[in-house]
């Protein structure tokens, strides 16, 4: 904990995402200021891995005997299970050392306060700054991996993850992209509203949803549009109205690099003999989450001297079984017989068994025989109901027109993304959903 005297007359500041090709912005905290004459001692902290509010209270300078009341006041306005590792918080004491207030910076535009009220005791409240939603367009060309190319173009890791998640059923962004491929997207970008200048945007805060995306390869074009099917549900659809979500993810790892492909004969890196390798090995840092590529049920879990800790899943289509080897550990509560859904975390990358380093040994079986998972052809998803097609067509055409404006920008240079703003911006107060 670092201590410093803080005079409340200025503003608290915190760093923002480096996104939308804008300079990193300094954003005012949502915390309210006490009386100008007050001089308080402020101590700054950060949520650590494994932290709970109880651990934070026990570790830091909270008043003894009042911890439970402070925790209850906090929980009355914010779900304590949703503390985020790396987020900041502050404790304030007056000049006599009496504890005054606890602030947790849940989001750049939202601060959770716990303070003492002489008539009510400890109480929690939320300060929420208004946001403005703007539609942004981004385009670029692949010069390495998607990650490297978008970072070089000035985009943030946050946007890269959002974009790759949309195309995860058709592209493995660590093996499929080729130099010269092009991408374009429309996304929501949230800015702080500037009360003094209603016609302008304040500092960039974060990205929202990807509204439309396009990925151009030499012989293939992938395009998708987000469509709201009901008031509380929506998804991504191809241009004919079929769900973009396929039966299987292209890869069970969001991040990784194929180091050994499916082969009838490969020299084993440890045993030094040539043998069949009916699997794909994907190198990734130890502890990387492994995702179920499709719905299914765990049929086996254990240890094998060759592939170490492993899991087997029989999928919804019973002809298909997948195996995951060399795990460092299994997901909590994962047992044989448990049903898993696509994108559920089932385990973590490791190097148990015969392995030269952390990687995932991924085997795909069809009717009991191993097949190459990189050659699987995913079928199209379910189509939209006919009654929704007119509304979908209108949304699709609008998004494609906006996307065409992005694509029609001046010729791309390598490692440079061009972005444009669609001609619409709408205010958003982003109501809290933490108490559910």
Protein backbone atom coordinates (compact mmCIF):
# COMPACT_ATOMS: atom_id res chain seq x y z
CA UNK A 1 0.00 0.00 0.00
CA UNK A 2 1.36 3.42 -0.94
CA UNK A 3 0.34 6.41 1.15
CA UNK A 4 0.17 10.05 0.20
CA UNK A 5 -1.67 13.16 1.33
CA UNK A 6 -4.48 13.93 -1.08
CA UNK A 7 -6.18 17.34 -1.13
CA UNK A 8 -9.67 17.06 -2.61
CA UNK A 9 -9.87 20.03 -4.89
CA UNK A 10 -8.43 18.31 -7.90
CA UNK A 11 -9.64 15.12 -9.54
CA UNK A 12 -8.70 11.49 -9.15
CA UNK A 13 -7.43 10.06 -12.42
CA UNK A 14 -6.92 6.58 -13.82
CA UNK A 15 -5.43 5.22 -17.08
CA UNK A 16 -7.71 4.17 -19.91
CA UNK A 17 -7.62 1.56 -22.68
CA UNK A 18 -5.33 2.39 -25.58
CA UNK A 19 -8.00 1.79 -28.20
CA UNK A 20 -9.72 3.24 -31.24
CA UNK A 21 -6.34 4.64 -32.37
CA UNK A 22 -6.73 7.43 -29.86
CA UNK A 23 -4.09 8.66 -27.46
CA UNK A 24 -4.38 7.06 -24.00
CA UNK A 25 -6.76 9.32 -22.15
CA UNK A 26 -6.79 10.55 -18.61
CA UNK A 27 -10.30 10.04 -17.31
CA UNK A 28 -11.75 11.60 -14.17
CA UNK A 29 -12.84 9.11 -11.53
CA UNK A 30 -16.49 8.97 -10.65
CA UNK A 31 -15.63 9.53 -6.98
CA UNK A 32 -17.29 12.51 -5.32
CA UNK A 33 -15.24 15.15 -3.52
CA UNK A 34 -15.74 15.92 0.15
CA UNK A 35 -15.68 19.45 1.57
CA UNK A 36 -12.78 21.47 0.09
CA UNK A 37 -11.23 22.06 3.51
CA UNK A 38 -10.87 18.35 4.26
CA UNK A 39 -7.36 16.89 4.07
CA UNK A 40 -7.38 13.11 4.08
CA UNK A 41 -4.68 10.47 3.98
CA UNK A 42 -5.26 8.28 0.95
CA UNK A 43 -3.93 4.74 0.56
CA UNK A 44 -4.05 3.05 -2.83
CA UNK A 45 -4.48 -0.67 -3.39
CA UNK A 46 -5.11 -3.15 -6.17
CA UNK A 47 -7.18 -6.33 -6.29
CA UNK A 48 -4.77 -9.29 -6.34
CA UNK A 49 -5.29 -12.77 -7.77
CA UNK A 50 -7.40 -14.79 -5.35
CA UNK A 51 -8.61 -11.71 -3.49
CA UNK A 52 -12.04 -11.50 -1.92
CA UNK A 53 -13.44 -8.41 -0.23
CA UNK A 54 -12.86 -10.17 3.10
CA UNK A 55 -9.15 -10.61 2.24
CA UNK A 56 -8.81 -6.97 1.23
CA UNK A 57 -10.46 -5.83 4.45
CA UNK A 58 -8.21 -8.10 6.53
CA UNK A 59 -5.05 -6.97 4.69
CA UNK A 60 -5.58 -3.20 4.61
CA UNK A 61 -6.24 -0.45 7.14
CA UNK A 62 -9.96 -0.98 7.72
CA UNK A 63 -11.32 -0.14 11.20
CA UNK A 64 -11.29 -3.17 13.47
CA UNK A 65 -14.69 -4.38 14.58
CA UNK A 66 -16.48 -2.74 11.63
CA UNK A 67 -15.32 -4.98 8.79
CA UNK A 68 -18.59 -6.91 8.46
CA UNK A 69 -20.66 -3.73 8.32
CA UNK A 70 -18.39 -2.32 5.57
CA UNK A 71 -18.58 -5.57 3.58
CA UNK A 72 -22.39 -5.64 3.87
CA UNK A 73 -22.65 -2.01 2.76
CA UNK A 74 -20.45 -2.75 -0.27
CA UNK A 75 -22.45 -5.90 -1.14
CA UNK A 76 -25.69 -3.91 -1.03
CA UNK A 77 -24.69 -2.06 -4.24
CA UNK A 78 -22.17 -4.36 -5.95
CA UNK A 79 -21.77 -8.12 -6.39
CA UNK A 80 -18.65 -8.94 -4.36
CA UNK A 81 -18.00 -11.94 -6.62
CA UNK A 82 -17.28 -9.55 -9.48
CA UNK A 83 -14.13 -7.95 -8.12
CA UNK A 84 -11.65 -7.85 -10.99
CA UNK A 85 -7.94 -8.63 -10.60
CA UNK A 86 -5.91 -5.49 -11.26
CA UNK A 87 -8.69 -3.00 -10.52
CA UNK A 88 -7.78 -0.20 -8.11
CA UNK A 89 -9.29 0.88 -4.83
CA UNK A 90 -8.61 3.65 -2.29
CA UNK A 91 -8.99 4.00 1.47
CA UNK A 92 -9.30 7.43 3.10
CA UNK A 93 -8.49 8.39 6.71
CA UNK A 94 -8.77 11.86 8.21
CA UNK A 95 -5.82 13.67 9.82
CA UNK A 96 -6.55 11.97 13.16
CA UNK A 97 -6.42 8.50 11.56
CA UNK A 98 -10.17 7.84 11.59
CA UNK A 99 -11.34 5.77 8.61
CA UNK A 100 -13.66 7.78 6.33
CA UNK A 101 -14.31 6.04 3.03
CA UNK A 102 -13.54 3.09 0.74
CA UNK A 103 -13.71 3.55 -3.05
CA UNK A 104 -13.54 0.68 -5.57
CA UNK A 105 -13.07 1.66 -9.22
CA UNK A 106 -15.27 -0.99 -10.83
CA UNK A 107 -15.03 0.65 -14.26
CA UNK A 108 -13.63 3.94 -15.54
CA UNK A 109 -17.09 5.49 -15.42
CA UNK A 110 -18.31 3.75 -12.25
CA UNK A 111 -17.05 3.94 -8.67
CA UNK A 112 -18.41 2.03 -5.66
CA UNK A 113 -18.22 3.98 -2.40
CA UNK A 114 -18.62 2.81 1.19
CA UNK A 115 -18.75 5.65 3.74
CA UNK A 116 -20.05 6.33 7.22
CA UNK A 117 -23.33 8.15 7.74
CA UNK A 118 -24.03 9.34 11.29
CA UNK A 119 -27.72 8.43 11.03
CA UNK A 120 -27.48 5.24 8.93
CA UNK A 121 -24.06 3.81 9.76
CA UNK A 122 -21.97 2.38 6.93
CA UNK A 123 -23.71 2.70 3.57
CA UNK A 124 -22.82 1.89 -0.02
CA UNK A 125 -23.54 3.98 -3.07
CA UNK A 126 -22.57 4.09 -6.75
CA UNK A 127 -21.38 7.06 -8.79
CA UNK A 128 -22.02 6.56 -12.51
CA UNK A 129 -20.81 8.87 -15.26
CA UNK A 130 -22.80 9.00 -18.50
CA UNK A 131 -21.33 7.44 -21.63
CA UNK A 132 -21.82 8.18 -25.30
CA UNK A 133 -21.83 5.26 -27.73
CA UNK A 134 -20.22 5.85 -31.11
CA UNK A 135 -19.95 3.42 -34.03
CA UNK A 136 -16.36 3.07 -35.22
CA UNK A 137 -14.94 1.47 -38.33
CA UNK A 138 -11.50 -0.17 -38.46
CA UNK A 139 -9.66 -1.86 -41.32
CA UNK A 140 -6.20 -3.27 -41.79
CA UNK A 141 -3.93 -5.77 -43.54
CA UNK A 142 -2.24 -8.78 -41.99
CA UNK A 143 1.55 -8.50 -41.86
CA UNK A 144 2.21 -11.22 -39.27
CA UNK A 145 -0.41 -12.62 -36.92
CA UNK A 146 -3.73 -10.82 -36.45
CA UNK A 147 -2.58 -9.84 -32.97
CA UNK A 148 0.72 -8.36 -34.16
CA UNK A 149 -0.89 -6.60 -37.12
CA UNK A 150 -3.66 -4.93 -35.14
CA UNK A 151 -1.28 -3.90 -32.36
CA UNK A 152 1.06 -2.39 -34.97
CA UNK A 153 -1.93 -0.49 -36.37
CA UNK A 154 -2.48 1.11 -32.98
CA UNK A 155 -5.45 -0.99 -31.83
CA UNK A 156 -5.84 -2.50 -28.38
CA UNK A 157 -5.70 -6.12 -27.23
CA UNK A 158 -9.32 -5.70 -26.13
CA UNK A 159 -10.52 -5.12 -29.71
CA UNK A 160 -8.36 -7.95 -31.06
CA UNK A 161 -9.96 -10.43 -28.65
CA UNK A 162 -13.48 -9.20 -29.52
CA UNK A 163 -12.81 -9.57 -33.25
CA UNK A 164 -11.17 -13.01 -33.00
CA UNK A 165 -14.04 -14.27 -30.81
CA UNK A 166 -16.53 -13.46 -33.59
CA UNK A 167 -14.62 -15.59 -36.14
CA UNK A 168 -13.49 -18.36 -33.79
CA UNK A 169 -15.61 -21.03 -35.52
CA UNK A 170 -13.99 -20.45 -38.93
CA UNK A 171 -10.49 -19.16 -38.23
CA UNK A 172 -7.66 -20.17 -35.96
CA UNK A 173 -5.92 -16.82 -35.79
CA UNK A 174 -2.61 -18.42 -34.85
CA UNK A 175 -2.34 -20.58 -37.97
CA UNK A 176 -4.86 -19.48 -40.63
CA UNK A 177 -3.94 -15.80 -41.31
CA UNK A 178 -1.58 -15.19 -44.23
CA UNK A 179 0.36 -12.09 -45.16
CA UNK A 180 -1.87 -9.81 -47.22
CA UNK A 181 -5.19 -10.96 -45.73
CA UNK A 182 -7.43 -7.99 -44.93
CA UNK A 183 -9.96 -7.33 -42.20
CA UNK A 184 -12.63 -4.72 -41.57
CA UNK A 185 -15.06 -4.24 -38.70
CA UNK A 186 -17.67 -1.98 -37.16
CA UNK A 187 -17.74 -1.76 -33.39
CA UNK A 188 -19.29 0.19 -30.57
CA UNK A 189 -16.91 2.57 -28.82
CA UNK A 190 -17.91 4.17 -25.53
CA UNK A 191 -16.72 7.64 -24.53
CA UNK A 192 -17.38 9.69 -21.44
CA UNK A 193 -20.03 12.34 -22.04
CA UNK A 194 -18.60 15.86 -21.70
CA UNK A 195 -21.27 17.91 -19.84
CA UNK A 196 -19.59 21.17 -20.80
CA UNK A 197 -19.65 20.29 -24.52
CA UNK A 198 -22.77 18.24 -25.36
CA UNK A 199 -21.86 18.13 -29.04
CA UNK A 200 -18.45 16.52 -28.46
CA UNK A 201 -17.06 13.28 -27.07
CA UNK A 202 -15.08 12.95 -23.88
CA UNK A 203 -12.28 10.45 -23.28
CA UNK A 204 -12.49 6.98 -24.83
CA UNK A 205 -13.45 4.38 -22.21
CA UNK A 206 -13.87 0.96 -23.84
CA UNK A 207 -15.21 -1.02 -26.76
CA UNK A 208 -18.67 -2.52 -26.82
CA UNK A 209 -20.00 -5.08 -29.28
CA UNK A 210 -18.64 -5.88 -32.73
CA UNK A 211 -21.56 -4.99 -35.03
CA UNK A 212 -20.20 -6.36 -38.32
CA UNK A 213 -16.96 -7.93 -39.46
CA UNK A 214 -15.23 -9.09 -42.59
CA UNK A 215 -12.10 -11.16 -43.16
CA UNK A 216 -10.69 -11.48 -46.69
CA UNK A 217 -8.37 -14.32 -47.62
CA UNK A 218 -7.00 -15.07 -51.07
CA UNK A 219 -9.84 -17.43 -52.02
CA UNK A 220 -12.43 -16.79 -49.32
CA UNK A 221 -14.47 -14.00 -47.81
CA UNK A 222 -15.97 -14.36 -44.34
CA UNK A 223 -18.56 -11.77 -43.31
CA UNK A 224 -20.93 -11.54 -40.38
CA UNK A 225 -23.47 -9.16 -38.87
CA UNK A 226 -24.76 -8.95 -35.31
CA UNK A 227 -28.56 -9.21 -35.16
CA UNK A 228 -30.83 -8.86 -32.14
CA UNK A 229 -33.40 -11.67 -32.31
CA UNK A 230 -35.34 -10.47 -29.25
CA UNK A 231 -35.14 -7.83 -26.57
CA UNK A 232 -32.55 -9.78 -24.57
CA UNK A 233 -30.97 -12.10 -27.15
CA UNK A 234 -28.84 -11.72 -30.24
CA UNK A 235 -26.04 -13.33 -32.18
CA UNK A 236 -23.85 -13.28 -35.26
CA UNK A 237 -25.19 -14.39 -38.64
CA UNK A 238 -23.73 -14.81 -42.08
CA UNK A 239 -25.14 -12.77 -44.94
CA UNK A 240 -27.81 -15.37 -45.73
CA UNK A 241 -29.14 -15.35 -42.16
CA UNK A 242 -27.51 -18.56 -40.86
CA UNK A 243 -25.98 -18.55 -37.39
CA UNK A 244 -22.24 -17.87 -37.50
CA UNK A 245 -21.83 -20.22 -34.53
CA UNK A 246 -20.81 -23.67 -35.78
CA UNK A 247 -20.78 -27.06 -34.07
CA UNK A 248 -17.04 -26.94 -33.27
CA UNK A 249 -14.62 -24.14 -32.47
CA UNK A 250 -11.65 -24.04 -34.83
CA UNK A 251 -9.33 -24.50 -31.84
CA UNK A 252 -9.78 -25.33 -28.13
CA UNK A 253 -7.24 -22.59 -27.26
CA UNK A 254 -7.81 -18.89 -27.74
CA UNK A 255 -4.03 -18.40 -27.92
CA UNK A 256 -1.49 -20.93 -29.09
CA UNK A 257 0.87 -22.03 -31.88
CA UNK A 258 0.75 -25.39 -33.66
CA UNK A 259 4.12 -27.06 -33.14
CA UNK A 260 3.34 -30.55 -34.42
CA UNK A 261 0.62 -31.44 -36.93
CA UNK A 262 -1.41 -34.58 -37.58
CA UNK A 263 0.91 -37.07 -39.27
CA UNK A 264 1.28 -40.75 -40.09
CA UNK A 265 4.94 -40.61 -39.12
CA UNK A 266 6.82 -38.17 -36.89
CA UNK A 267 10.08 -38.37 -34.95
CA UNK A 268 9.10 -38.28 -31.29
CA UNK A 269 10.98 -35.41 -29.58
CA UNK A 270 11.73 -37.48 -26.44
CA UNK A 271 11.70 -41.14 -27.53
CA UNK A 272 13.66 -40.30 -30.76
CA UNK A 273 11.74 -42.87 -32.81
CA UNK A 274 9.43 -42.36 -35.79
CA UNK A 275 5.81 -43.10 -34.95
CA UNK A 276 2.34 -41.95 -35.98
CA UNK A 277 1.13 -38.67 -34.47
CA UNK A 278 -2.63 -38.67 -34.87
CA UNK A 279 -3.05 -35.38 -33.04
CA UNK A 280 -2.25 -31.69 -33.20
CA UNK A 281 0.13 -30.22 -30.61
CA UNK A 282 -0.50 -26.57 -29.72
CA UNK A 283 2.14 -24.74 -27.69
CA UNK A 284 0.85 -22.21 -25.18
CA UNK A 285 1.96 -20.87 -21.79
CA UNK A 286 1.37 -23.19 -18.84
CA UNK A 287 -2.01 -22.43 -17.31
CA UNK A 288 -3.67 -21.28 -20.56
CA UNK A 289 -7.40 -22.22 -20.34
CA UNK A 290 -8.58 -25.06 -22.58
CA UNK A 291 -12.10 -24.59 -23.97
CA UNK A 292 -14.61 -27.28 -24.89
CA UNK A 293 -14.90 -26.89 -28.69
CA UNK A 294 -18.50 -28.14 -28.68
CA UNK A 295 -21.25 -29.29 -26.32
CA UNK A 296 -20.75 -32.75 -24.87
CA UNK A 297 -20.18 -34.95 -21.82
CA UNK A 298 -16.93 -35.89 -20.05
CA UNK A 299 -16.45 -39.64 -20.52
CA UNK A 300 -12.92 -40.06 -19.17
CA UNK A 301 -10.50 -38.12 -16.96
CA UNK A 302 -7.20 -39.35 -15.59
CA UNK A 303 -3.47 -39.82 -16.05
CA UNK A 304 -1.49 -41.63 -18.73
CA UNK A 305 2.30 -42.01 -18.69
CA UNK A 306 2.51 -40.71 -22.25
CA UNK A 307 -0.03 -37.87 -22.44
CA UNK A 308 -0.09 -37.06 -18.72
CA UNK A 309 -3.31 -35.68 -17.29
CA UNK A 310 -6.04 -35.94 -19.90
CA UNK A 311 -9.76 -35.46 -20.56
CA UNK A 312 -12.05 -37.15 -23.09
CA UNK A 313 -15.36 -35.66 -24.20
CA UNK A 314 -18.12 -37.32 -26.23
CA UNK A 315 -19.95 -34.59 -28.10
CA UNK A 316 -23.62 -33.94 -28.78
CA UNK A 317 -23.17 -35.68 -32.10
CA UNK A 318 -22.10 -39.04 -30.60
CA UNK A 319 -19.92 -39.87 -33.63
CA UNK A 320 -17.34 -37.35 -32.35
CA UNK A 321 -15.00 -37.64 -29.34
CA UNK A 322 -12.13 -35.30 -28.46
CA UNK A 323 -9.13 -35.84 -26.19
CA UNK A 324 -6.92 -33.26 -24.44
CA UNK A 325 -3.51 -34.28 -23.06
CA UNK A 326 -0.57 -32.94 -20.99
CA UNK A 327 -2.89 -30.83 -18.79
CA UNK A 328 -1.42 -29.10 -15.75
CA UNK A 329 -4.77 -29.39 -13.96
CA UNK A 330 -8.46 -29.91 -14.56
CA UNK A 331 -11.18 -27.29 -14.23
CA UNK A 332 -12.75 -27.16 -10.79
CA UNK A 333 -15.61 -29.66 -10.31
CA UNK A 334 -14.96 -31.32 -13.68
CA UNK A 335 -15.91 -34.98 -13.23
CA UNK A 336 -16.74 -37.91 -15.48
CA UNK A 337 -20.40 -37.63 -16.51
CA UNK A 338 -20.53 -33.84 -16.34
CA UNK A 339 -22.12 -32.04 -19.28
CA UNK A 340 -20.05 -29.23 -20.79
CA UNK A 341 -21.08 -26.47 -23.18
CA UNK A 342 -19.09 -24.94 -26.01
CA UNK A 343 -16.42 -22.55 -24.62
CA UNK A 344 -16.60 -23.97 -21.08
CA UNK A 345 -13.12 -24.14 -19.52
CA UNK A 346 -12.31 -27.83 -19.02
CA UNK A 347 -8.65 -27.66 -18.00
CA UNK A 348 -5.34 -25.84 -18.32
CA UNK A 349 -2.28 -26.29 -20.53
CA UNK A 350 0.66 -28.08 -18.92
CA UNK A 351 3.51 -30.51 -19.61
CA UNK A 352 2.54 -33.64 -17.63
CA UNK A 353 3.55 -37.00 -19.12
CA UNK A 354 6.14 -37.12 -21.93
CA UNK A 355 6.45 -33.48 -22.96
CA UNK A 356 9.34 -31.15 -23.73
CA UNK A 357 7.34 -28.07 -22.71
CA UNK A 358 3.82 -26.82 -22.04
CA UNK A 359 1.43 -27.62 -24.86
CA UNK A 360 -1.96 -29.19 -25.60
CA UNK A 361 -2.14 -32.60 -27.26
CA UNK A 362 -5.46 -32.43 -29.14
CA UNK A 363 -6.99 -35.56 -30.68
CA UNK A 364 -10.24 -35.66 -32.67
CA UNK A 365 -12.04 -39.00 -33.20
CA UNK A 366 -14.83 -39.77 -35.65
CA UNK A 367 -16.51 -43.15 -35.11
CA UNK A 368 -13.54 -44.26 -32.99
CA UNK A 369 -10.86 -43.34 -35.55
CA UNK A 370 -8.55 -40.32 -35.18
CA UNK A 371 -8.95 -37.66 -37.88
CA UNK A 372 -7.14 -34.39 -38.55
CA UNK A 373 -8.91 -31.65 -36.55
CA UNK A 374 -7.49 -28.99 -38.90
CA UNK A 375 -9.40 -30.54 -41.82
CA UNK A 376 -12.85 -30.57 -40.23
CA UNK A 377 -15.44 -28.73 -42.29
CA UNK A 378 -17.98 -27.08 -40.03
CA UNK A 379 -21.53 -26.97 -41.38
CA UNK A 380 -23.51 -23.73 -41.37
CA UNK A 381 -25.45 -22.88 -38.24
CA UNK A 382 -29.21 -22.80 -37.91
CA UNK A 383 -31.06 -20.24 -40.07
CA UNK A 384 -33.15 -17.40 -38.66
CA UNK A 385 -36.93 -17.97 -38.64
CA UNK A 386 -38.59 -16.68 -41.80
CA UNK A 387 -40.54 -14.10 -39.78
CA UNK A 388 -37.28 -12.40 -38.73
CA UNK A 389 -35.69 -12.29 -42.18
CA UNK A 390 -37.10 -8.86 -43.26
CA UNK A 391 -35.75 -7.22 -40.09
CA UNK A 392 -32.42 -9.05 -40.49
CA UNK A 393 -32.13 -7.98 -44.13
CA UNK A 394 -32.61 -4.33 -43.16
CA UNK A 395 -29.96 -4.51 -40.43
CA UNK A 396 -27.58 -6.47 -42.68
CA UNK A 397 -27.86 -3.96 -45.53
CA UNK A 398 -27.30 -1.01 -43.20
CA UNK A 399 -24.21 -2.60 -41.63
CA UNK A 400 -22.78 -3.64 -44.99
CA UNK A 401 -23.21 -0.10 -46.28
CA UNK A 402 -21.35 1.22 -43.23
CA UNK A 403 -18.68 -1.45 -43.64
CA UNK A 404 -18.27 -0.52 -47.31
CA UNK A 405 -17.49 3.03 -46.23
CA UNK A 406 -14.66 1.67 -44.07
CA UNK A 407 -13.32 -0.59 -46.84
CA UNK A 408 -13.46 2.27 -49.36
CA UNK A 409 -10.86 4.29 -47.44
CA UNK A 410 -7.54 5.08 -49.21
CA UNK A 411 -5.29 2.14 -50.06
CA UNK A 412 -3.91 0.35 -47.04
CA UNK A 413 -0.29 0.45 -46.04
CA UNK A 414 1.24 -2.50 -44.23
CA UNK A 415 0.75 -2.38 -40.46
CA UNK A 416 -1.67 0.51 -40.73
CA UNK A 417 -5.36 0.34 -39.93
CA UNK A 418 -7.70 3.04 -41.14
CA UNK A 419 -10.72 3.88 -39.05
CA UNK A 420 -13.74 6.00 -39.68
CA UNK A 421 -16.76 6.93 -37.63
CA UNK A 422 -20.20 5.94 -38.81
CA UNK A 423 -22.50 8.96 -38.76
CA UNK A 424 -24.32 8.00 -35.60
CA UNK A 425 -23.68 8.40 -31.92
CA UNK A 426 -26.11 7.75 -29.14
CA UNK A 427 -25.97 8.40 -25.40
CA UNK A 428 -25.80 5.50 -23.00
CA UNK A 429 -26.04 5.58 -19.24
CA UNK A 430 -24.88 1.93 -19.09
CA UNK A 431 -27.08 0.82 -16.17
CA UNK A 432 -25.39 -1.44 -13.67
CA UNK A 433 -26.05 -5.19 -13.93
CA UNK A 434 -23.88 -6.29 -11.05
CA UNK A 435 -26.72 -6.95 -8.68
CA UNK A 436 -28.50 -9.88 -10.31
